[in-house]
Amino acid sequence: MKLSLSVQNIKCGGCAKTITTKLSQLDDISEVMVDVNSGTVSFESNNVMATQELRDVLKALGYPTVGVKNGLGDKAKSLLSCASGRMMKE
């Protein structure tokens, strides 16, 4: 089933690259796509537990879903993830 989540702190293609790379490594998650303009992450999954793991990974990367507290630590982590994603693109 195709699912979509609204995510905080997505600012650029580097963020999108990091998110896509990390989430594509999860079991039972496929077809990960990030829309930077709308701040959404779309993916395919038929496993509810995998969806929760995906949310946990997003939070650990600094990209919590909308509705989850977005602390200073999340913003700092997202900046590091963003920079990492930009380096992977090169």
PDB file of N, CA and C in Angstrom:
ATOM      1  N   MET A   1       0.835  -1.158   0.000  1.00  0.00           N
ATOM      2  CA  MET A   1       0.000   0.000   0.000  1.00  0.00           C
ATOM      3  C   MET A   1       0.891   1.236   0.000  1.00  0.00           C
ATOM      4  N   LYS A   2       0.485   2.247  -0.761  1.00  0.00           N
ATOM      5  CA  LYS A   2       1.255   3.490  -0.847  1.00  0.00           C
ATOM      6  C   LYS A   2       0.864   4.400   0.311  1.00  0.00           C
ATOM      7  N   LEU A   3       1.860   4.886   1.023  1.00  0.00           N
ATOM      8  CA  LEU A   3       1.650   5.767   2.166  1.00  0.00           C
ATOM      9  C   LEU A   3       2.456   7.037   1.982  1.00  0.00           C
ATOM     10  N   SER A   4       2.034   8.086   2.656  1.00  0.00           N
ATOM     11  CA  SER A   4       2.723   9.360   2.573  1.00  0.00           C
ATOM     12  C   SER A   4       2.704  10.015   3.956  1.00  0.00           C
ATOM     13  N   LEU A   5       3.844  10.576   4.350  1.00  0.00           N
ATOM     14  CA  LEU A   5       3.968  11.251   5.636  1.00  0.00           C
ATOM     15  C   LEU A   5       4.458  12.681   5.428  1.00  0.00           C
ATOM     16  N   SER A   6       3.912  13.607   6.182  1.00  0.00           N
ATOM     17  CA  SER A   6       4.427  14.973   6.196  1.00  0.00           C
ATOM     18  C   SER A   6       5.566  15.011   7.206  1.00  0.00           C
ATOM     19  N   VAL A   7       6.700  15.562   6.773  1.00  0.00           N
ATOM     20  CA  VAL A   7       7.927  15.503   7.571  1.00  0.00           C
ATOM     21  C   VAL A   7       8.486  16.914   7.757  1.00  0.00           C
ATOM     22  N   GLN A   8       9.051  17.157   8.922  1.00  0.00           N
ATOM     23  CA  GLN A   8       9.647  18.450   9.243  1.00  0.00           C
ATOM     24  C   GLN A   8      11.113  18.506   8.812  1.00  0.00           C
ATOM     25  N   ASN A   9      11.616  19.708   8.600  1.00  0.00           N
ATOM     26  CA  ASN A   9      13.036  20.004   8.375  1.00  0.00           C
ATOM     27  C   ASN A   9      13.577  19.632   7.000  1.00  0.00           C
ATOM     28  N   ILE A  10      12.746  19.207   6.059  1.00  0.00           N
ATOM     29  CA  ILE A  10      13.251  18.919   4.711  1.00  0.00           C
ATOM     30  C   ILE A  10      13.442  20.250   3.992  1.00  0.00           C
ATOM     31  N   LYS A  11      14.684  20.506   3.574  1.00  0.00           N
ATOM     32  CA  LYS A  11      14.988  21.805   2.982  1.00  0.00           C
ATOM     33  C   LYS A  11      15.561  21.746   1.568  1.00  0.00           C
ATOM     34  N   CYS A  12      16.156  20.610   1.202  1.00  0.00           N
ATOM     35  CA  CYS A  12      16.849  20.587  -0.087  1.00  0.00           C
ATOM     36  C   CYS A  12      17.012  19.161  -0.611  1.00  0.00           C
ATOM     37  N   GLY A  13      17.653  19.059  -1.748  1.00  0.00           N
ATOM     38  CA  GLY A  13      17.925  17.767  -2.357  1.00  0.00           C
ATOM     39  C   GLY A  13      18.863  16.903  -1.524  1.00  0.00           C
ATOM     40  N   GLY A  14      19.737  17.534  -0.749  1.00  0.00           N
ATOM     41  CA  GLY A  14      20.624  16.768   0.133  1.00  0.00           C
ATOM     42  C   GLY A  14      19.825  16.046   1.203  1.00  0.00           C
ATOM     43  N   CYS A  15      18.833  16.744   1.764  1.00  0.00           N
ATOM     44  CA  CYS A  15      17.936  16.123   2.743  1.00  0.00           C
ATOM     45  C   CYS A  15      17.212  14.946   2.092  1.00  0.00           C
ATOM     46  N   ALA A  16      16.685  15.180   0.900  1.00  0.00           N
ATOM     47  CA  ALA A  16      15.938  14.147   0.183  1.00  0.00           C
ATOM     48  C   ALA A  16      16.813  12.936  -0.100  1.00  0.00           C
ATOM     49  N   LYS A  17      18.053  13.156  -0.491  1.00  0.00           N
ATOM     50  CA  LYS A  17      18.976  12.061  -0.800  1.00  0.00           C
ATOM     51  C   LYS A  17      19.253  11.222   0.448  1.00  0.00           C
ATOM     52  N   THR A  18      19.514  11.878   1.576  1.00  0.00           N
ATOM     53  CA  THR A  18      19.764  11.158   2.817  1.00  0.00           C
ATOM     54  C   THR A  18      18.554  10.326   3.217  1.00  0.00           C
ATOM     55  N   ILE A  19      17.382  10.930   3.180  1.00  0.00           N
ATOM     56  CA  ILE A  19      16.155  10.234   3.565  1.00  0.00           C
ATOM     57  C   ILE A  19      15.914   9.041   2.644  1.00  0.00           C
ATOM     58  N   THR A  20      16.015   9.254   1.346  1.00  0.00           N
ATOM     59  CA  THR A  20      15.774   8.179   0.380  1.00  0.00           C
ATOM     60  C   THR A  20      16.752   7.027   0.580  1.00  0.00           C
ATOM     61  N   THR A  21      18.019   7.347   0.768  1.00  0.00           N
ATOM     62  CA  THR A  21      19.049   6.322   0.952  1.00  0.00           C
ATOM     63  C   THR A  21      18.795   5.494   2.207  1.00  0.00           C
ATOM     64  N   LYS A  22      18.553   6.161   3.319  1.00  0.00           N
ATOM     65  CA  LYS A  22      18.376   5.453   4.601  1.00  0.00           C
ATOM     66  C   LYS A  22      17.080   4.648   4.630  1.00  0.00           C
ATOM     67  N   LEU A  23      15.987   5.212   4.138  1.00  0.00           N
ATOM     68  CA  LEU A  23      14.706   4.506   4.205  1.00  0.00           C
ATOM     69  C   LEU A  23      14.643   3.343   3.226  1.00  0.00           C
ATOM     70  N   SER A  24      15.360   3.450   2.121  1.00  0.00           N
ATOM     71  CA  SER A  24      15.374   2.364   1.136  1.00  0.00           C
ATOM     72  C   SER A  24      16.080   1.124   1.667  1.00  0.00           C
ATOM     73  N   GLN A  25      16.855   1.276   2.723  1.00  0.00           N
ATOM     74  CA  GLN A  25      17.560   0.147   3.335  1.00  0.00           C
ATOM     75  C   GLN A  25      16.677  -0.661   4.284  1.00  0.00           C
ATOM     76  N   LEU A  26      15.505  -0.127   4.629  1.00  0.00           N
ATOM     77  CA  LEU A  26      14.619  -0.806   5.571  1.00  0.00           C
ATOM     78  C   LEU A  26      13.883  -1.967   4.910  1.00  0.00           C
ATOM     79  N   ASP A  27      13.713  -3.037   5.671  1.00  0.00           N
ATOM     80  CA  ASP A  27      12.925  -4.168   5.182  1.00  0.00           C
ATOM     81  C   ASP A  27      11.466  -3.745   5.071  1.00  0.00           C
ATOM     82  N   ASP A  28      10.768  -4.275   4.094  1.00  0.00           N
ATOM     83  CA  ASP A  28       9.337  -4.037   3.884  1.00  0.00           C
ATOM     84  C   ASP A  28       9.001  -2.599   3.494  1.00  0.00           C
ATOM     85  N   ILE A  29       9.998  -1.818   3.091  1.00  0.00           N
ATOM     86  CA  ILE A  29       9.783  -0.452   2.593  1.00  0.00           C
ATOM     87  C   ILE A  29      10.370  -0.387   1.201  1.00  0.00           C
ATOM     88  N   SER A  30       9.602   0.146   0.246  1.00  0.00           N
ATOM     89  CA  SER A  30      10.109   0.277  -1.120  1.00  0.00           C
ATOM     90  C   SER A  30       9.565   1.551  -1.744  1.00  0.00           C
ATOM     91  N   GLU A  31      10.094   1.876  -2.898  1.00  0.00           N
ATOM     92  CA  GLU A  31       9.654   3.032  -3.687  1.00  0.00           C
ATOM     93  C   GLU A  31       9.591   4.325  -2.864  1.00  0.00           C
ATOM     94  N   VAL A  32      10.671   4.619  -2.164  1.00  0.00           N
ATOM     95  CA  VAL A  32      10.743   5.830  -1.346  1.00  0.00           C
ATOM     96  C   VAL A  32      10.938   7.039  -2.255  1.00  0.00           C
ATOM     97  N   MET A  33      10.095   8.039  -2.058  1.00  0.00           N
ATOM     98  CA  MET A  33      10.204   9.291  -2.803  1.00  0.00           C
ATOM     99  C   MET A  33      10.027  10.451  -1.832  1.00  0.00           C
ATOM    100  N   VAL A  34      10.827  11.496  -2.017  1.00  0.00           N
ATOM    101  CA  VAL A  34      10.750  12.673  -1.158  1.00  0.00           C
ATOM    102  C   VAL A  34      10.400  13.880  -2.014  1.00  0.00           C
ATOM    103  N   ASP A  35       9.384  14.608  -1.596  1.00  0.00           N
ATOM    104  CA  ASP A  35       9.006  15.857  -2.264  1.00  0.00           C
ATOM    105  C   ASP A  35       9.448  17.000  -1.360  1.00  0.00           C
ATOM    106  N   VAL A  36      10.516  17.662  -1.745  1.00  0.00           N
ATOM    107  CA  VAL A  36      11.103  18.731  -0.928  1.00  0.00           C
ATOM    108  C   VAL A  36      10.118  19.886  -0.768  1.00  0.00           C
ATOM    109  N   ASN A  37       9.433  20.260  -1.834  1.00  0.00           N
ATOM    110  CA  ASN A  37       8.525  21.417  -1.787  1.00  0.00           C
ATOM    111  C   ASN A  37       7.378  21.229  -0.805  1.00  0.00           C
ATOM    112  N   SER A  38       6.814  20.037  -0.752  1.00  0.00           N
ATOM    113  CA  SER A  38       5.681  19.805   0.146  1.00  0.00           C
ATOM    114  C   SER A  38       6.109  19.204   1.482  1.00  0.00           C
ATOM    115  N   GLY A  39       7.366  18.765   1.583  1.00  0.00           N
ATOM    116  CA  GLY A  39       7.852  18.151   2.813  1.00  0.00           C
ATOM    117  C   GLY A  39       7.229  16.795   3.083  1.00  0.00           C
ATOM    118  N   THR A  40       6.995  16.039   2.019  1.00  0.00           N
ATOM    119  CA  THR A  40       6.381  14.722   2.196  1.00  0.00           C
ATOM    120  C   THR A  40       7.329  13.604   1.776  1.00  0.00           C
ATOM    121  N   VAL A  41       7.179  12.482   2.452  1.00  0.00           N
ATOM    122  CA  VAL A  41       7.903  11.265   2.129  1.00  0.00           C
ATOM    123  C   VAL A  41       6.849  10.221   1.775  1.00  0.00           C
ATOM    124  N   SER A  42       6.922   9.681   0.565  1.00  0.00           N
ATOM    125  CA  SER A  42       5.997   8.645   0.113  1.00  0.00           C
ATOM    126  C   SER A  42       6.758   7.336  -0.025  1.00  0.00           C
ATOM    127  N   PHE A  43       6.063   6.232   0.237  1.00  0.00           N
ATOM    128  CA  PHE A  43       6.701   4.926   0.165  1.00  0.00           C
ATOM    129  C   PHE A  43       5.638   3.847   0.067  1.00  0.00           C
ATOM    130  N   GLU A  44       6.077   2.655  -0.289  1.00  0.00           N
ATOM    131  CA  GLU A  44       5.213   1.470  -0.344  1.00  0.00           C
ATOM    132  C   GLU A  44       5.539   0.582   0.843  1.00  0.00           C
ATOM    133  N   SER A  45       4.496   0.089   1.529  1.00  0.00           N
ATOM    134  CA  SER A  45       4.687  -0.858   2.620  1.00  0.00           C
ATOM    135  C   SER A  45       3.365  -1.530   2.948  1.00  0.00           C
ATOM    136  N   ASN A  46       3.413  -2.807   3.231  1.00  0.00           N
ATOM    137  CA  ASN A  46       2.243  -3.541   3.699  1.00  0.00           C
ATOM    138  C   ASN A  46       2.431  -3.992   5.140  1.00  0.00           C
ATOM    139  N   ASN A  47       3.434  -3.449   5.804  1.00  0.00           N
ATOM    140  CA  ASN A  47       3.781  -3.866   7.151  1.00  0.00           C
ATOM    141  C   ASN A  47       3.706  -2.670   8.098  1.00  0.00           C
ATOM    142  N   VAL A  48       2.753  -2.699   9.015  1.00  0.00           N
ATOM    143  CA  VAL A  48       2.566  -1.595   9.956  1.00  0.00           C
ATOM    144  C   VAL A  48       3.805  -1.387  10.822  1.00  0.00           C
ATOM    145  N   MET A  49       4.448  -2.459  11.245  1.00  0.00           N
ATOM    146  CA  MET A  49       5.649  -2.334  12.075  1.00  0.00           C
ATOM    147  C   MET A  49       6.779  -1.654  11.306  1.00  0.00           C
ATOM    148  N   ALA A  50       6.889  -1.935  10.018  1.00  0.00           N
ATOM    149  CA  ALA A  50       7.921  -1.287   9.201  1.00  0.00           C
ATOM    150  C   ALA A  50       7.658   0.205   9.097  1.00  0.00           C
ATOM    151  N   THR A  51       6.389   0.586   9.064  1.00  0.00           N
ATOM    152  CA  THR A  51       6.035   2.003   8.993  1.00  0.00           C
ATOM    153  C   THR A  51       6.461   2.725  10.266  1.00  0.00           C
ATOM    154  N   GLN A  52       6.291   2.093  11.420  1.00  0.00           N
ATOM    155  CA  GLN A  52       6.743   2.712  12.666  1.00  0.00           C
ATOM    156  C   GLN A  52       8.257   2.805  12.693  1.00  0.00           C
ATOM    157  N   GLU A  53       8.947   1.775  12.206  1.00  0.00           N
ATOM    158  CA  GLU A  53      10.410   1.822  12.132  1.00  0.00           C
ATOM    159  C   GLU A  53      10.852   2.975  11.233  1.00  0.00           C
ATOM    160  N   LEU A  54      10.140   3.179  10.132  1.00  0.00           N
ATOM    161  CA  LEU A  54      10.450   4.270   9.221  1.00  0.00           C
ATOM    162  C   LEU A  54      10.325   5.615   9.938  1.00  0.00           C
ATOM    163  N   ARG A  55       9.258   5.794  10.715  1.00  0.00           N
ATOM    164  CA  ARG A  55       9.085   7.032  11.488  1.00  0.00           C
ATOM    165  C   ARG A  55      10.238   7.222  12.474  1.00  0.00           C
ATOM    166  N   ASP A  56      10.654   6.134  13.109  1.00  0.00           N
ATOM    167  CA  ASP A  56      11.758   6.199  14.075  1.00  0.00           C
ATOM    168  C   ASP A  56      13.065   6.598  13.387  1.00  0.00           C
ATOM    169  N   VAL A  57      13.321   6.047  12.199  1.00  0.00           N
ATOM    170  CA  VAL A  57      14.530   6.380  11.449  1.00  0.00           C
ATOM    171  C   VAL A  57      14.485   7.850  11.027  1.00  0.00           C
ATOM    172  N   LEU A  58      13.335   8.310  10.547  1.00  0.00           N
ATOM    173  CA  LEU A  58      13.206   9.726  10.176  1.00  0.00           C
ATOM    174  C   LEU A  58      13.541  10.620  11.371  1.00  0.00           C
ATOM    175  N   LYS A  59      12.993  10.309  12.530  1.00  0.00           N
ATOM    176  CA  LYS A  59      13.249  11.105  13.741  1.00  0.00           C
ATOM    177  C   LYS A  59      14.727  11.068  14.094  1.00  0.00           C
ATOM    178  N   ALA A  60      15.352   9.892  14.009  1.00  0.00           N
ATOM    179  CA  ALA A  60      16.779   9.765  14.333  1.00  0.00           C
ATOM    180  C   ALA A  60      17.648  10.579  13.375  1.00  0.00           C
ATOM    181  N   LEU A  61      17.198  10.730  12.127  1.00  0.00           N
ATOM    182  CA  LEU A  61      17.938  11.516  11.140  1.00  0.00           C
ATOM    183  C   LEU A  61      17.711  13.022  11.313  1.00  0.00           C
ATOM    184  N   GLY A  62      16.719  13.400  12.135  1.00  0.00           N
ATOM    185  CA  GLY A  62      16.408  14.813  12.333  1.00  0.00           C
ATOM    186  C   GLY A  62      15.215  15.280  11.529  1.00  0.00           C
ATOM    187  N   TYR A  63      14.431  14.336  11.011  1.00  0.00           N
ATOM    188  CA  TYR A  63      13.259  14.664  10.208  1.00  0.00           C
ATOM    189  C   TYR A  63      12.011  14.040  10.820  1.00  0.00           C
ATOM    190  N   PRO A  64      11.569  14.545  11.990  1.00  0.00           N
ATOM    191  CA  PRO A  64      10.378  13.962  12.606  1.00  0.00           C
ATOM    192  C   PRO A  64       9.134  14.253  11.762  1.00  0.00           C
ATOM    193  N   THR A  65       8.143  13.373  11.882  1.00  0.00           N
ATOM    194  CA  THR A  65       6.899  13.614  11.161  1.00  0.00           C
ATOM    195  C   THR A  65       6.172  14.801  11.793  1.00  0.00           C
ATOM    196  N   VAL A  66       5.311  15.435  11.019  1.00  0.00           N
ATOM    197  CA  VAL A  66       4.525  16.562  11.514  1.00  0.00           C
ATOM    198  C   VAL A  66       3.678  16.069  12.675  1.00  0.00           C
ATOM    199  N   GLY A  67       3.633  16.858  13.733  1.00  0.00           N
ATOM    200  CA  GLY A  67       2.888  16.479  14.923  1.00  0.00           C
ATOM    201  C   GLY A  67       3.792  15.964  16.029  1.00  0.00           C
ATOM    202  N   VAL A  68       5.013  15.573  15.675  1.00  0.00           N
ATOM    203  CA  VAL A  68       5.997  15.134  16.661  1.00  0.00           C
ATOM    204  C   VAL A  68       6.837  16.352  17.027  1.00  0.00           C
ATOM    205  N   LYS A  69       7.140  16.507  18.305  1.00  0.00           N
ATOM    206  CA  LYS A  69       7.923  17.656  18.755  1.00  0.00           C
ATOM    207  C   LYS A  69       9.230  17.751  17.969  1.00  0.00           C
ATOM    208  N   ASN A  70       9.502  18.935  17.476  1.00  0.00           N
ATOM    209  CA  ASN A  70      10.692  19.210  16.670  1.00  0.00           C
ATOM    210  C   ASN A  70      11.644  20.054  17.504  1.00  0.00           C
ATOM    211  N   GLY A  71      12.550  19.392  18.206  1.00  0.00           N
ATOM    212  CA  GLY A  71      13.472  20.095  19.083  1.00  0.00           C
ATOM    213  C   GLY A  71      14.716  20.597  18.361  1.00  0.00           C
ATOM    214  N   LEU A  72      15.518  21.332  19.093  1.00  0.00           N
ATOM    215  CA  LEU A  72      16.775  21.853  18.551  1.00  0.00           C
ATOM    216  C   LEU A  72      17.678  20.728  18.082  1.00  0.00           C
ATOM    217  N   GLY A  73      17.667  19.605  18.798  1.00  0.00           N
ATOM    218  CA  GLY A  73      18.486  18.455  18.416  1.00  0.00           C
ATOM    219  C   GLY A  73      18.079  17.900  17.059  1.00  0.00           C
ATOM    220  N   ASP A  74      16.759  17.874  16.786  1.00  0.00           N
ATOM    221  CA  ASP A  74      16.282  17.399  15.488  1.00  0.00           C
ATOM    222  C   ASP A  74      16.756  18.312  14.372  1.00  0.00           C
ATOM    223  N   LYS A  75      16.701  19.614  14.605  1.00  0.00           N
ATOM    224  CA  LYS A  75      17.141  20.567  13.580  1.00  0.00           C
ATOM    225  C   LYS A  75      18.638  20.428  13.317  1.00  0.00           C
ATOM    226  N   ALA A  76      19.408  20.226  14.367  1.00  0.00           N
ATOM    227  CA  ALA A  76      20.853  20.043  14.202  1.00  0.00           C
ATOM    228  C   ALA A  76      21.151  18.757  13.443  1.00  0.00           C
ATOM    229  N   LYS A  77      20.438  17.667  13.797  1.00  0.00           N
ATOM    230  CA  LYS A  77      20.639  16.396  13.100  1.00  0.00           C
ATOM    231  C   LYS A  77      20.274  16.524  11.630  1.00  0.00           C
ATOM    232  N   SER A  78      19.188  17.263  11.341  1.00  0.00           N
ATOM    233  CA  SER A  78      18.775  17.402   9.946  1.00  0.00           C
ATOM    234  C   SER A  78      19.821  18.173   9.144  1.00  0.00           C
ATOM    235  N   LEU A  79      20.468  19.157   9.760  1.00  0.00           N
ATOM    236  CA  LEU A  79      21.527  19.896   9.061  1.00  0.00           C
ATOM    237  C   LEU A  79      22.697  18.976   8.723  1.00  0.00           C
ATOM    238  N   LEU A  80      23.048  18.088   9.643  1.00  0.00           N
ATOM    239  CA  LEU A  80      24.122  17.120   9.379  1.00  0.00           C
ATOM    240  C   LEU A  80      23.711  16.131   8.294  1.00  0.00           C
ATOM    241  N   SER A  81      22.460  15.662   8.359  1.00  0.00           N
ATOM    242  CA  SER A  81      21.958  14.741   7.337  1.00  0.00           C
ATOM    243  C   SER A  81      21.937  15.411   5.972  1.00  0.00           C
ATOM    244  N   CYS A  82      21.534  16.668   5.951  1.00  0.00           N
ATOM    245  CA  CYS A  82      21.487  17.444   4.716  1.00  0.00           C
ATOM    246  C   CYS A  82      22.889  17.524   4.092  1.00  0.00           C
ATOM    247  N   ALA A  83      23.865  17.890   4.915  1.00  0.00           N
ATOM    248  CA  ALA A  83      25.241  18.006   4.421  1.00  0.00           C
ATOM    249  C   ALA A  83      25.752  16.661   3.922  1.00  0.00           C
ATOM    250  N   SER A  84      25.424  15.620   4.638  1.00  0.00           N
ATOM    251  CA  SER A  84      25.831  14.272   4.241  1.00  0.00           C
ATOM    252  C   SER A  84      25.202  13.900   2.901  1.00  0.00           C
ATOM    253  N   GLY A  85      23.930  14.212   2.748  1.00  0.00           N
ATOM    254  CA  GLY A  85      23.235  13.928   1.486  1.00  0.00           C
ATOM    255  C   GLY A  85      23.829  14.693   0.320  1.00  0.00           C
ATOM    256  N   ARG A  86      24.232  15.924   0.556  1.00  0.00           N
ATOM    257  CA  ARG A  86      24.859  16.715  -0.504  1.00  0.00           C
ATOM    258  C   ARG A  86      26.187  16.104  -0.928  1.00  0.00           C
ATOM    259  N   MET A  87      26.948  15.588   0.026  1.00  0.00           N
ATOM    260  CA  MET A  87      28.236  14.968  -0.293  1.00  0.00           C
ATOM    261  C   MET A  87      28.025  13.673  -1.065  1.00  0.00           C
ATOM    262  N   MET A  88      26.954  12.931  -0.782  1.00  0.00           N
ATOM    263  CA  MET A  88      26.674  11.686  -1.501  1.00  0.00           C
ATOM    264  C   MET A  88      26.305  11.964  -2.944  1.00  0.00           C
ATOM    265  N   LYS A  89      25.743  13.128  -3.233  1.00  0.00           N
ATOM    266  CA  LYS A  89      25.315  13.462  -4.583  1.00  0.00           C
ATOM    267  C   LYS A  89      26.497  13.699  -5.513  1.00  0.00           C
ATOM    268  N   GLU A  90      27.601  14.125  -4.933  1.00  0.00           N
ATOM    269  CA  GLU A  90      28.770  14.476  -5.759  1.00  0.00           C
ATOM    270  C   GLU A  90      29.523  13.270  -6.217  1.00  0.00           C
TER     271      GLU A  90
END
